[in-house]
């Protein structure tokens, strides 16, 4: 059952693909996106020939545009920069994508001419991670229940064993009286006879 729940949550995670837009053309823009979604961040009107810019997250360079071409894209495996409308698409958003981004423009001499910031917030948790945690929790519950059932069964067997011990010995003892006649006095002696010994087990 735990595996089935985990698979269901995994399928939900795969199908979790919202597409949303974020306008980053204004200073201090704030965008809130769900985990696993695809976001289109509008950075500028268009990336023309004479525009040089760099988009960074904290100390990491995400995009670097020079001489009408993209020089750097550290999120290349799940992103794309669309130069004709100045939009950057990021797919499969994760918690590490949250943070402050800075777009810096440069002049022809290579000096910064201006910048603006954007705050991106990723909400929720990974459906895959939630599925893994749920599967682990259900597995743990299953193990605990099995351990309890085994302990109860062992206690029941132990009680049955105490009621009828396997090494109990039954002895049939009879006392026989024998009379002997003697000249001076008459004496009665007792003799013990062991007839059957039964061992249960």
Protein backbone atom coordinates (compact mmCIF):
# COMPACT_ATOMS: atom_id res chain seq x y z
CA UNK A 1 0.00 0.00 0.00
CA UNK A 2 2.87 2.36 0.82
CA UNK A 3 4.35 1.83 -2.64
CA UNK A 4 0.97 2.63 -4.22
CA UNK A 5 0.66 5.90 -2.29
CA UNK A 6 4.24 6.86 -3.22
CA UNK A 7 3.56 6.14 -6.93
CA UNK A 8 0.37 8.22 -6.84
CA UNK A 9 2.19 11.20 -5.34
CA UNK A 10 5.01 10.77 -7.88
CA UNK A 11 2.47 10.95 -10.74
CA UNK A 12 0.94 14.06 -9.18
CA UNK A 13 4.43 15.59 -9.06
CA UNK A 14 5.07 14.82 -12.74
CA UNK A 15 1.76 16.37 -13.77
CA UNK A 16 2.36 19.41 -11.54
CA UNK A 17 3.31 21.85 -14.31
CA UNK A 18 1.70 25.30 -13.89
CA UNK A 19 2.83 28.09 -16.22
CA UNK A 20 2.91 31.56 -14.72
CA UNK A 21 4.32 34.96 -15.63
CA UNK A 22 6.41 37.39 -13.61
CA UNK A 23 7.05 41.00 -14.67
CA UNK A 24 10.62 41.82 -13.66
CA UNK A 25 10.84 45.11 -15.60
CA UNK A 26 10.19 47.15 -12.45
CA UNK A 27 12.52 47.66 -9.50
CA UNK A 28 11.68 45.48 -6.48
CA UNK A 29 9.20 43.23 -8.30
CA UNK A 30 8.02 40.26 -6.24
CA UNK A 31 6.87 36.98 -7.73
CA UNK A 32 5.44 34.04 -5.83
CA UNK A 33 5.36 30.72 -7.68
CA UNK A 34 4.34 27.17 -6.74
CA UNK A 35 6.90 24.39 -6.44
CA UNK A 36 7.36 22.50 -9.72
CA UNK A 37 5.78 25.23 -11.89
CA UNK A 38 7.22 26.93 -14.96
CA UNK A 39 7.73 30.69 -14.70
CA UNK A 40 8.29 33.22 -17.50
CA UNK A 41 10.23 36.17 -16.08
CA UNK A 42 9.90 39.27 -18.30
CA UNK A 43 13.29 40.97 -17.83
CA UNK A 44 13.17 43.63 -20.60
CA UNK A 45 11.30 44.57 -23.77
CA UNK A 46 13.89 42.83 -25.96
CA UNK A 47 17.58 41.94 -25.94
CA UNK A 48 18.82 44.14 -28.81
CA UNK A 49 22.32 44.16 -30.30
CA UNK A 50 23.66 46.99 -28.17
CA UNK A 51 22.30 45.72 -24.83
CA UNK A 52 24.70 44.00 -22.48
CA UNK A 53 23.35 42.62 -19.22
CA UNK A 54 23.96 40.14 -16.47
CA UNK A 55 21.29 38.51 -14.29
CA UNK A 56 22.54 37.18 -10.96
CA UNK A 57 21.08 35.46 -7.90
CA UNK A 58 23.05 36.57 -4.87
CA UNK A 59 26.68 35.80 -5.92
CA UNK A 60 25.83 33.39 -8.77
CA UNK A 61 25.56 34.52 -12.41
CA UNK A 62 22.45 33.05 -14.01
CA UNK A 63 22.48 34.84 -17.39
CA UNK A 64 25.17 36.78 -19.23
CA UNK A 65 24.25 38.50 -22.54
CA UNK A 66 26.98 40.02 -24.72
CA UNK A 67 27.22 40.92 -28.42
CA UNK A 68 23.70 39.73 -29.26
CA UNK A 69 24.26 36.29 -27.84
CA UNK A 70 23.90 34.40 -24.58
CA UNK A 71 27.33 33.79 -23.06
CA UNK A 72 26.22 32.15 -19.79
CA UNK A 73 23.11 30.27 -18.64
CA UNK A 74 23.75 28.26 -15.47
CA UNK A 75 20.18 26.87 -15.51
CA UNK A 76 20.51 25.64 -19.08
CA UNK A 77 19.06 22.17 -18.40
CA UNK A 78 15.68 23.62 -17.32
CA UNK A 79 15.57 27.14 -18.74
CA UNK A 80 15.63 29.23 -21.91
CA UNK A 81 16.20 32.91 -22.66
CA UNK A 82 13.90 34.27 -25.38
CA UNK A 83 15.78 37.29 -26.75
CA UNK A 84 13.06 38.75 -29.02
CA UNK A 85 10.83 39.57 -26.01
CA UNK A 86 13.44 39.59 -23.20
CA UNK A 87 11.81 36.72 -21.29
CA UNK A 88 13.57 34.04 -19.28
CA UNK A 89 11.72 30.74 -18.79
CA UNK A 90 12.57 28.51 -15.79
CA UNK A 91 10.94 25.07 -15.57
CA UNK A 92 10.50 22.74 -12.59
CA UNK A 93 10.92 25.42 -9.93
CA UNK A 94 12.48 24.25 -6.67
CA UNK A 95 13.24 25.71 -3.27
CA UNK A 96 16.78 26.70 -4.28
CA UNK A 97 15.31 29.05 -6.93
CA UNK A 98 13.92 31.30 -4.18
CA UNK A 99 15.87 34.46 -3.56
CA UNK A 100 16.80 37.94 -4.76
CA UNK A 101 17.82 38.36 -8.41
CA UNK A 102 19.63 41.41 -9.77
CA UNK A 103 19.60 42.49 -13.40
CA UNK A 104 22.61 44.72 -14.21
CA UNK A 105 23.01 46.61 -17.51
CA UNK A 106 26.39 47.56 -18.96
CA UNK A 107 27.45 50.27 -21.42
CA UNK A 108 29.72 49.81 -24.42
CA UNK A 109 32.72 50.55 -22.19
CA UNK A 110 31.80 47.58 -19.90
CA UNK A 111 30.76 49.74 -16.95
CA UNK A 112 27.48 49.13 -15.13
CA UNK A 113 24.85 51.66 -16.12
CA UNK A 114 22.01 50.55 -13.84
CA UNK A 115 20.33 47.62 -12.16
CA UNK A 116 17.05 46.42 -10.69
CA UNK A 117 16.12 43.62 -8.33
CA UNK A 118 13.43 40.98 -8.33
CA UNK A 119 12.38 38.67 -5.49
CA UNK A 120 11.25 35.17 -6.41
CA UNK A 121 9.47 33.06 -3.78
CA UNK A 122 8.77 29.35 -4.26
CA UNK A 123 5.77 28.09 -2.31
CA UNK A 124 4.98 24.59 -1.12
CA UNK A 125 7.02 21.42 -1.16
CA UNK A 126 8.08 18.98 -3.81
CA UNK A 127 5.28 16.45 -4.51
CA UNK A 128 7.98 13.83 -5.04
CA UNK A 129 9.55 14.59 -1.65
CA UNK A 130 6.11 14.52 -0.01
CA UNK A 131 5.47 11.14 -1.68
CA UNK A 132 8.78 9.77 -0.42
CA UNK A 133 8.10 10.99 3.13
CA UNK A 134 4.55 9.55 3.05
CA UNK A 135 5.82 6.21 1.76
CA UNK A 136 8.49 6.09 4.48
CA UNK A 137 5.93 6.96 7.15
CA UNK A 138 3.50 4.26 5.97
CA UNK A 139 6.33 1.71 5.84
CA UNK A 140 7.36 2.60 9.41
CA UNK A 141 3.77 2.20 10.62
CA UNK A 142 3.58 -1.17 8.85
CA UNK A 143 6.80 -2.36 10.56
CA UNK A 144 5.55 -1.24 14.00
CA UNK A 145 2.18 -3.00 13.53
CA UNK A 146 3.93 -6.22 12.43
CA UNK A 147 6.23 -6.09 15.48
CA UNK A 148 3.24 -5.64 17.80
CA UNK A 149 1.38 -8.58 16.21
CA UNK A 150 4.45 -10.84 16.54
CA UNK A 151 4.90 -9.88 20.23
CA UNK A 152 1.23 -10.60 21.01
CA UNK A 153 1.40 -14.00 19.30
CA UNK A 154 4.55 -14.95 21.22
CA UNK A 155 2.93 -13.97 24.54
CA UNK A 156 -0.11 -16.13 23.74
CA UNK A 157 2.10 -19.11 22.91
CA UNK A 158 4.05 -18.61 26.13
CA UNK A 159 0.84 -18.60 28.19
CA UNK A 160 -0.32 -21.84 26.57
CA UNK A 161 3.05 -23.37 27.36
CA UNK A 162 2.72 -22.39 31.03
CA UNK A 163 -0.69 -24.07 31.27
CA UNK A 164 0.62 -27.44 30.02
CA UNK A 165 4.37 -27.76 30.63
CA UNK A 166 6.10 -30.13 28.22
CA UNK A 167 8.43 -31.69 30.85
CA UNK A 168 5.76 -32.69 33.43
CA UNK A 169 6.17 -36.22 34.90
CA UNK A 170 3.32 -38.28 36.34
CA UNK A 171 4.07 -40.97 38.93
CA UNK A 172 1.63 -43.59 40.24
CA UNK A 173 2.68 -44.48 43.79
CA UNK A 174 0.92 -47.23 45.87
CA UNK A 175 1.51 -48.19 49.46
CA UNK A 176 1.26 -51.93 50.15
CA UNK A 177 1.01 -53.36 53.63
CA UNK A 178 2.58 -56.72 54.33
CA UNK A 179 2.15 -58.74 57.51
CA UNK A 180 4.84 -60.97 58.82
CA UNK A 181 4.46 -63.27 61.80
CA UNK A 182 7.23 -63.61 64.29
CA UNK A 183 7.38 -65.54 67.47
CA UNK A 184 7.77 -62.76 70.00
CA UNK A 185 5.76 -59.96 68.46
CA UNK A 186 3.83 -59.15 65.43
CA UNK A 187 5.25 -56.40 63.31
CA UNK A 188 3.66 -54.58 60.40
CA UNK A 189 6.03 -53.30 57.78
CA UNK A 190 5.17 -51.03 54.96
CA UNK A 191 6.60 -51.42 51.52
CA UNK A 192 6.37 -48.91 48.66
CA UNK A 193 5.76 -50.12 45.13
CA UNK A 194 6.31 -47.96 42.04
CA UNK A 195 4.21 -49.26 39.22
CA UNK A 196 3.91 -46.81 36.26
CA UNK A 197 5.79 -43.70 35.31
CA UNK A 198 4.21 -41.56 32.59
CA UNK A 199 6.02 -38.64 30.94
CA UNK A 200 3.99 -36.13 28.94
CA UNK A 201 5.65 -34.27 26.09
